[in-house]
N, C-alpha and C. Protein backbone atom coordinates (compact mmCIF):
# COMPACT_ATOMS: atom_id res chain seq x y z
N UNK A 1 50.47 137.44 85.99
CA UNK A 1 50.42 136.24 85.18
C UNK A 1 49.19 136.21 84.29
N UNK A 2 48.29 137.14 84.46
CA UNK A 2 47.07 137.22 83.65
C UNK A 2 47.43 137.72 82.24
N UNK A 3 47.06 136.96 81.20
CA UNK A 3 47.38 137.40 79.83
C UNK A 3 46.89 138.81 79.52
N UNK A 4 45.74 139.20 80.05
CA UNK A 4 45.22 140.55 79.79
C UNK A 4 46.16 141.63 80.32
N UNK A 5 46.81 141.35 81.41
CA UNK A 5 47.77 142.31 81.98
C UNK A 5 49.08 142.27 81.19
N UNK A 6 49.51 141.08 80.82
CA UNK A 6 50.78 140.92 80.10
C UNK A 6 50.79 141.65 78.76
N UNK A 7 49.65 141.71 78.08
CA UNK A 7 49.60 142.36 76.77
C UNK A 7 49.28 143.86 76.86
N UNK A 8 48.96 144.35 78.04
CA UNK A 8 48.62 145.76 78.21
C UNK A 8 49.75 146.50 78.92
N UNK A 9 50.43 147.35 78.19
CA UNK A 9 51.51 148.14 78.80
C UNK A 9 50.96 148.97 79.96
N UNK A 10 49.78 149.50 79.81
CA UNK A 10 49.18 150.33 80.85
C UNK A 10 48.92 149.53 82.14
N UNK A 11 48.34 148.34 82.00
CA UNK A 11 48.06 147.51 83.18
C UNK A 11 49.35 146.99 83.82
N UNK A 12 50.31 146.59 82.99
CA UNK A 12 51.58 146.10 83.52
C UNK A 12 52.32 147.22 84.26
N UNK A 13 52.23 148.41 83.73
CA UNK A 13 52.90 149.58 84.36
C UNK A 13 52.38 149.80 85.78
N UNK A 14 51.11 149.51 86.02
CA UNK A 14 50.52 149.68 87.35
C UNK A 14 51.10 148.70 88.36
N UNK A 15 51.61 147.55 87.89
CA UNK A 15 52.12 146.52 88.79
C UNK A 15 53.64 146.51 88.94
N UNK A 16 54.35 147.19 88.04
CA UNK A 16 55.81 147.21 88.11
C UNK A 16 56.30 148.55 88.64
N UNK A 17 57.19 148.50 89.59
CA UNK A 17 57.82 149.68 90.14
C UNK A 17 58.72 150.31 89.06
N UNK A 18 58.81 151.62 88.97
CA UNK A 18 59.68 152.23 87.96
C UNK A 18 61.15 151.80 88.07
N UNK A 19 61.58 151.34 89.24
CA UNK A 19 62.96 150.87 89.41
C UNK A 19 63.06 149.34 89.24
N UNK A 20 62.02 148.72 88.70
CA UNK A 20 61.94 147.27 88.55
C UNK A 20 63.14 146.68 87.81
N UNK A 21 63.59 145.51 88.31
CA UNK A 21 64.63 144.71 87.67
C UNK A 21 64.22 143.25 87.81
N UNK A 22 64.45 142.47 86.76
CA UNK A 22 64.19 141.03 86.82
C UNK A 22 65.39 140.28 86.29
N UNK A 23 65.66 139.14 86.91
CA UNK A 23 66.60 138.17 86.36
C UNK A 23 65.74 136.96 86.02
N UNK A 24 65.57 136.71 84.72
CA UNK A 24 64.67 135.66 84.26
C UNK A 24 65.29 134.28 84.30
N UNK A 25 64.49 133.28 83.92
CA UNK A 25 64.96 131.89 83.92
C UNK A 25 66.15 131.68 82.98
N UNK A 26 66.28 132.53 81.98
CA UNK A 26 67.41 132.42 81.04
C UNK A 26 68.68 133.03 81.61
N UNK A 27 68.54 133.79 82.71
CA UNK A 27 69.67 134.51 83.27
C UNK A 27 69.73 135.95 82.79
N UNK A 28 68.86 136.29 81.85
CA UNK A 28 68.84 137.66 81.32
C UNK A 28 68.35 138.62 82.38
N UNK A 29 68.98 139.79 82.42
CA UNK A 29 68.55 140.87 83.30
C UNK A 29 67.65 141.81 82.51
N UNK A 30 66.46 142.06 83.05
CA UNK A 30 65.47 142.92 82.41
C UNK A 30 65.28 144.19 83.24
N UNK A 31 65.19 145.33 82.58
CA UNK A 31 64.86 146.58 83.26
C UNK A 31 63.35 146.83 83.10
N UNK A 32 62.88 147.84 83.76
CA UNK A 32 61.47 148.23 83.69
C UNK A 32 61.00 148.42 82.24
N UNK A 33 61.69 149.27 81.51
CA UNK A 33 61.29 149.57 80.13
C UNK A 33 61.42 148.34 79.23
N UNK A 34 62.49 147.57 79.41
CA UNK A 34 62.65 146.35 78.60
C UNK A 34 61.52 145.38 78.85
N UNK A 35 61.13 145.22 80.10
CA UNK A 35 60.05 144.29 80.43
C UNK A 35 58.71 144.78 79.87
N UNK A 36 58.42 146.05 80.04
CA UNK A 36 57.15 146.57 79.51
C UNK A 36 57.07 146.39 77.99
N UNK A 37 58.18 146.56 77.30
CA UNK A 37 58.20 146.39 75.84
C UNK A 37 58.06 144.94 75.42
N UNK A 38 58.73 144.04 76.13
CA UNK A 38 58.77 142.63 75.72
C UNK A 38 57.61 141.79 76.24
N UNK A 39 57.00 142.20 77.33
CA UNK A 39 56.01 141.37 78.02
C UNK A 39 54.89 140.82 77.13
N UNK A 40 54.31 141.59 76.22
CA UNK A 40 53.23 141.04 75.40
C UNK A 40 53.64 139.84 74.55
N UNK A 41 54.91 139.77 74.16
CA UNK A 41 55.37 138.68 73.29
C UNK A 41 55.94 137.50 74.07
N UNK A 42 56.12 137.65 75.37
CA UNK A 42 56.69 136.57 76.18
C UNK A 42 55.64 135.50 76.47
N UNK A 43 56.09 134.33 76.86
CA UNK A 43 55.19 133.23 77.19
C UNK A 43 54.14 133.68 78.20
N UNK A 44 52.92 133.17 78.01
CA UNK A 44 51.83 133.49 78.93
C UNK A 44 51.02 134.71 78.53
N UNK A 45 51.36 135.34 77.41
CA UNK A 45 50.66 136.56 77.01
C UNK A 45 49.45 136.35 76.12
N UNK A 46 49.35 135.19 75.48
CA UNK A 46 48.22 134.94 74.58
C UNK A 46 47.03 134.39 75.35
N UNK A 47 45.87 134.98 75.14
CA UNK A 47 44.66 134.54 75.85
C UNK A 47 44.34 133.08 75.59
N UNK A 48 44.66 132.59 74.39
CA UNK A 48 44.35 131.20 74.05
C UNK A 48 45.59 130.29 74.09
N UNK A 49 46.68 130.79 74.63
CA UNK A 49 47.93 130.01 74.69
C UNK A 49 48.18 129.47 76.08
N UNK A 50 49.37 128.92 76.30
CA UNK A 50 49.70 128.39 77.62
C UNK A 50 49.72 129.51 78.66
N UNK A 51 49.33 129.14 79.88
CA UNK A 51 49.29 130.11 80.98
C UNK A 51 50.16 129.63 82.12
N UNK A 52 50.67 130.57 82.87
CA UNK A 52 51.42 130.25 84.07
C UNK A 52 50.49 129.65 85.11
N UNK A 53 50.92 128.55 85.72
CA UNK A 53 50.17 127.91 86.79
C UNK A 53 50.98 128.08 88.07
N UNK A 54 50.57 129.02 88.94
CA UNK A 54 51.33 129.25 90.18
C UNK A 54 50.93 128.26 91.28
N UNK A 55 51.86 128.01 92.19
CA UNK A 55 51.56 127.18 93.36
C UNK A 55 52.51 127.54 94.50
N UNK A 56 52.11 127.16 95.71
CA UNK A 56 52.96 127.34 96.88
C UNK A 56 53.32 128.77 97.20
N UNK A 57 52.41 129.71 96.94
CA UNK A 57 52.71 131.12 97.14
C UNK A 57 52.73 131.45 98.63
N UNK A 58 53.83 132.06 99.07
CA UNK A 58 53.94 132.54 100.44
C UNK A 58 54.59 133.91 100.43
N UNK A 59 54.25 134.69 101.42
CA UNK A 59 54.82 136.03 101.54
C UNK A 59 55.29 136.30 102.95
N UNK A 60 56.34 137.10 103.05
CA UNK A 60 56.89 137.50 104.33
C UNK A 60 57.08 139.01 104.30
N UNK A 61 56.52 139.68 105.29
CA UNK A 61 56.70 141.13 105.38
C UNK A 61 58.10 141.41 105.94
N UNK A 62 58.93 142.08 105.16
CA UNK A 62 60.28 142.41 105.58
C UNK A 62 60.35 143.77 106.27
N UNK A 63 59.43 144.65 105.91
CA UNK A 63 59.33 145.98 106.50
C UNK A 63 57.90 146.45 106.26
N UNK A 64 57.53 147.57 106.80
CA UNK A 64 56.16 148.07 106.66
C UNK A 64 55.73 148.18 105.20
N UNK A 65 56.65 148.52 104.33
CA UNK A 65 56.32 148.74 102.93
C UNK A 65 57.06 147.80 101.98
N UNK A 66 57.46 146.62 102.47
CA UNK A 66 58.22 145.68 101.65
C UNK A 66 57.84 144.24 101.98
N UNK A 67 57.43 143.49 100.94
CA UNK A 67 57.04 142.09 101.10
C UNK A 67 57.86 141.23 100.15
N UNK A 68 58.32 140.07 100.66
CA UNK A 68 59.04 139.09 99.84
C UNK A 68 58.07 137.95 99.54
N UNK A 69 57.80 137.73 98.27
CA UNK A 69 56.88 136.70 97.82
C UNK A 69 57.66 135.59 97.13
N UNK A 70 57.37 134.33 97.48
CA UNK A 70 57.99 133.19 96.81
C UNK A 70 56.90 132.23 96.35
N UNK A 71 57.15 131.56 95.22
CA UNK A 71 56.18 130.62 94.67
C UNK A 71 56.84 129.86 93.53
N UNK A 72 56.12 128.88 93.01
CA UNK A 72 56.57 128.14 91.83
C UNK A 72 55.56 128.34 90.72
N UNK A 73 56.05 128.23 89.49
CA UNK A 73 55.16 128.27 88.32
C UNK A 73 55.50 127.12 87.39
N UNK A 74 54.48 126.73 86.61
CA UNK A 74 54.68 125.79 85.51
C UNK A 74 53.99 126.41 84.30
N UNK A 75 54.70 126.39 83.18
CA UNK A 75 54.09 126.82 81.92
C UNK A 75 54.67 125.91 80.83
N UNK A 76 53.81 125.30 80.07
CA UNK A 76 54.23 124.37 79.01
C UNK A 76 55.18 123.30 79.54
N UNK A 77 54.93 122.82 80.76
CA UNK A 77 55.75 121.76 81.34
C UNK A 77 57.07 122.23 81.94
N UNK A 78 57.36 123.51 81.87
CA UNK A 78 58.61 124.06 82.41
C UNK A 78 58.32 124.68 83.78
N UNK A 79 59.05 124.21 84.79
CA UNK A 79 58.83 124.67 86.16
C UNK A 79 59.92 125.65 86.57
N UNK A 80 59.53 126.66 87.36
CA UNK A 80 60.50 127.64 87.88
C UNK A 80 60.13 128.00 89.30
N UNK A 81 61.15 128.26 90.10
CA UNK A 81 60.96 128.81 91.44
C UNK A 81 61.15 130.32 91.31
N UNK A 82 60.26 131.05 91.95
CA UNK A 82 60.25 132.51 91.77
C UNK A 82 60.29 133.24 93.10
N UNK A 83 60.92 134.37 93.07
CA UNK A 83 61.06 135.22 94.24
C UNK A 83 60.90 136.66 93.79
N UNK A 84 60.05 137.40 94.48
CA UNK A 84 59.88 138.80 94.11
C UNK A 84 59.74 139.67 95.35
N UNK A 85 60.19 140.90 95.20
CA UNK A 85 60.03 141.90 96.24
C UNK A 85 59.00 142.91 95.77
N UNK A 86 58.01 143.14 96.62
CA UNK A 86 56.95 144.10 96.33
C UNK A 86 57.06 145.23 97.35
N UNK A 87 57.04 146.46 96.84
CA UNK A 87 57.08 147.59 97.77
C UNK A 87 55.90 148.52 97.53
N UNK A 88 55.47 149.11 98.62
CA UNK A 88 54.34 150.04 98.55
C UNK A 88 54.88 151.39 98.13
N UNK A 89 54.16 152.01 97.21
CA UNK A 89 54.59 153.30 96.68
C UNK A 89 54.38 154.43 97.65
N UNK A 90 54.83 155.61 97.28
CA UNK A 90 54.72 156.78 98.16
C UNK A 90 53.27 157.15 98.48
N UNK A 91 52.33 156.71 97.63
CA UNK A 91 50.92 157.01 97.90
C UNK A 91 50.38 156.17 99.05
N UNK A 92 51.15 155.13 99.46
CA UNK A 92 50.76 154.30 100.59
C UNK A 92 49.73 153.25 100.28
N UNK A 93 49.20 153.23 99.08
CA UNK A 93 48.13 152.28 98.75
C UNK A 93 48.56 151.24 97.73
N UNK A 94 49.32 151.60 96.76
CA UNK A 94 49.64 150.72 95.64
C UNK A 94 50.92 149.92 95.89
N UNK A 95 50.81 148.61 95.73
CA UNK A 95 51.96 147.72 95.80
C UNK A 95 52.46 147.44 94.40
N UNK A 96 53.77 147.52 94.21
CA UNK A 96 54.36 147.24 92.91
C UNK A 96 55.56 146.32 93.07
N UNK A 97 55.77 145.49 92.03
CA UNK A 97 56.92 144.59 92.04
C UNK A 97 58.18 145.39 91.75
N UNK A 98 59.13 145.29 92.69
CA UNK A 98 60.39 146.03 92.61
C UNK A 98 61.50 145.15 92.02
N UNK A 99 61.49 143.85 92.38
CA UNK A 99 62.52 142.93 91.91
C UNK A 99 61.91 141.55 91.74
N UNK A 100 62.36 140.83 90.71
CA UNK A 100 61.88 139.47 90.47
C UNK A 100 63.03 138.60 89.99
N UNK A 101 63.08 137.38 90.52
CA UNK A 101 64.09 136.41 90.10
C UNK A 101 63.38 135.10 89.83
N UNK A 102 63.69 134.47 88.70
CA UNK A 102 63.12 133.17 88.35
C UNK A 102 64.26 132.18 88.13
N UNK A 103 64.16 131.03 88.79
CA UNK A 103 65.18 130.00 88.66
C UNK A 103 64.55 128.75 88.08
N UNK A 104 65.04 128.27 86.93
CA UNK A 104 64.46 127.04 86.35
C UNK A 104 64.72 125.85 87.27
N UNK A 105 63.75 124.93 87.31
CA UNK A 105 63.88 123.72 88.11
C UNK A 105 64.02 122.53 87.16
N UNK A 106 65.14 121.81 87.22
CA UNK A 106 65.30 120.65 86.35
C UNK A 106 64.18 119.63 86.60
N UNK A 107 63.79 118.94 85.55
CA UNK A 107 62.67 117.99 85.63
C UNK A 107 62.87 116.90 86.68
N UNK A 108 64.12 116.54 86.99
CA UNK A 108 64.36 115.44 87.93
C UNK A 108 64.37 115.88 89.40
N UNK A 109 64.16 117.17 89.68
CA UNK A 109 64.10 117.64 91.06
C UNK A 109 62.65 117.65 91.55
N UNK A 110 62.47 117.30 92.83
CA UNK A 110 61.10 117.35 93.39
C UNK A 110 60.64 118.77 93.62
């Protein structure tokens, strides 16, 4: 969610698994390459623009090398519930996001 990472293909590549897939709030399915190309222009990428405000972050270890992370974000008044799977790479040290899903939350829901 850091704008410096969002605008840097190199930094974003370190956090996304090569098999990464996302289903965004619009319902669009993004692949690894599509996300790396589009990320700098997506919301939250400008250092002086709106930023994602995360809250309620929790994680559950599903396996030794797999964690399910859930949280909510708000950006420009738009709220979303998010779920991502992070897996540890073959090097055993680096965690990367393997899958991400964002669901918009209507304004009238708590």
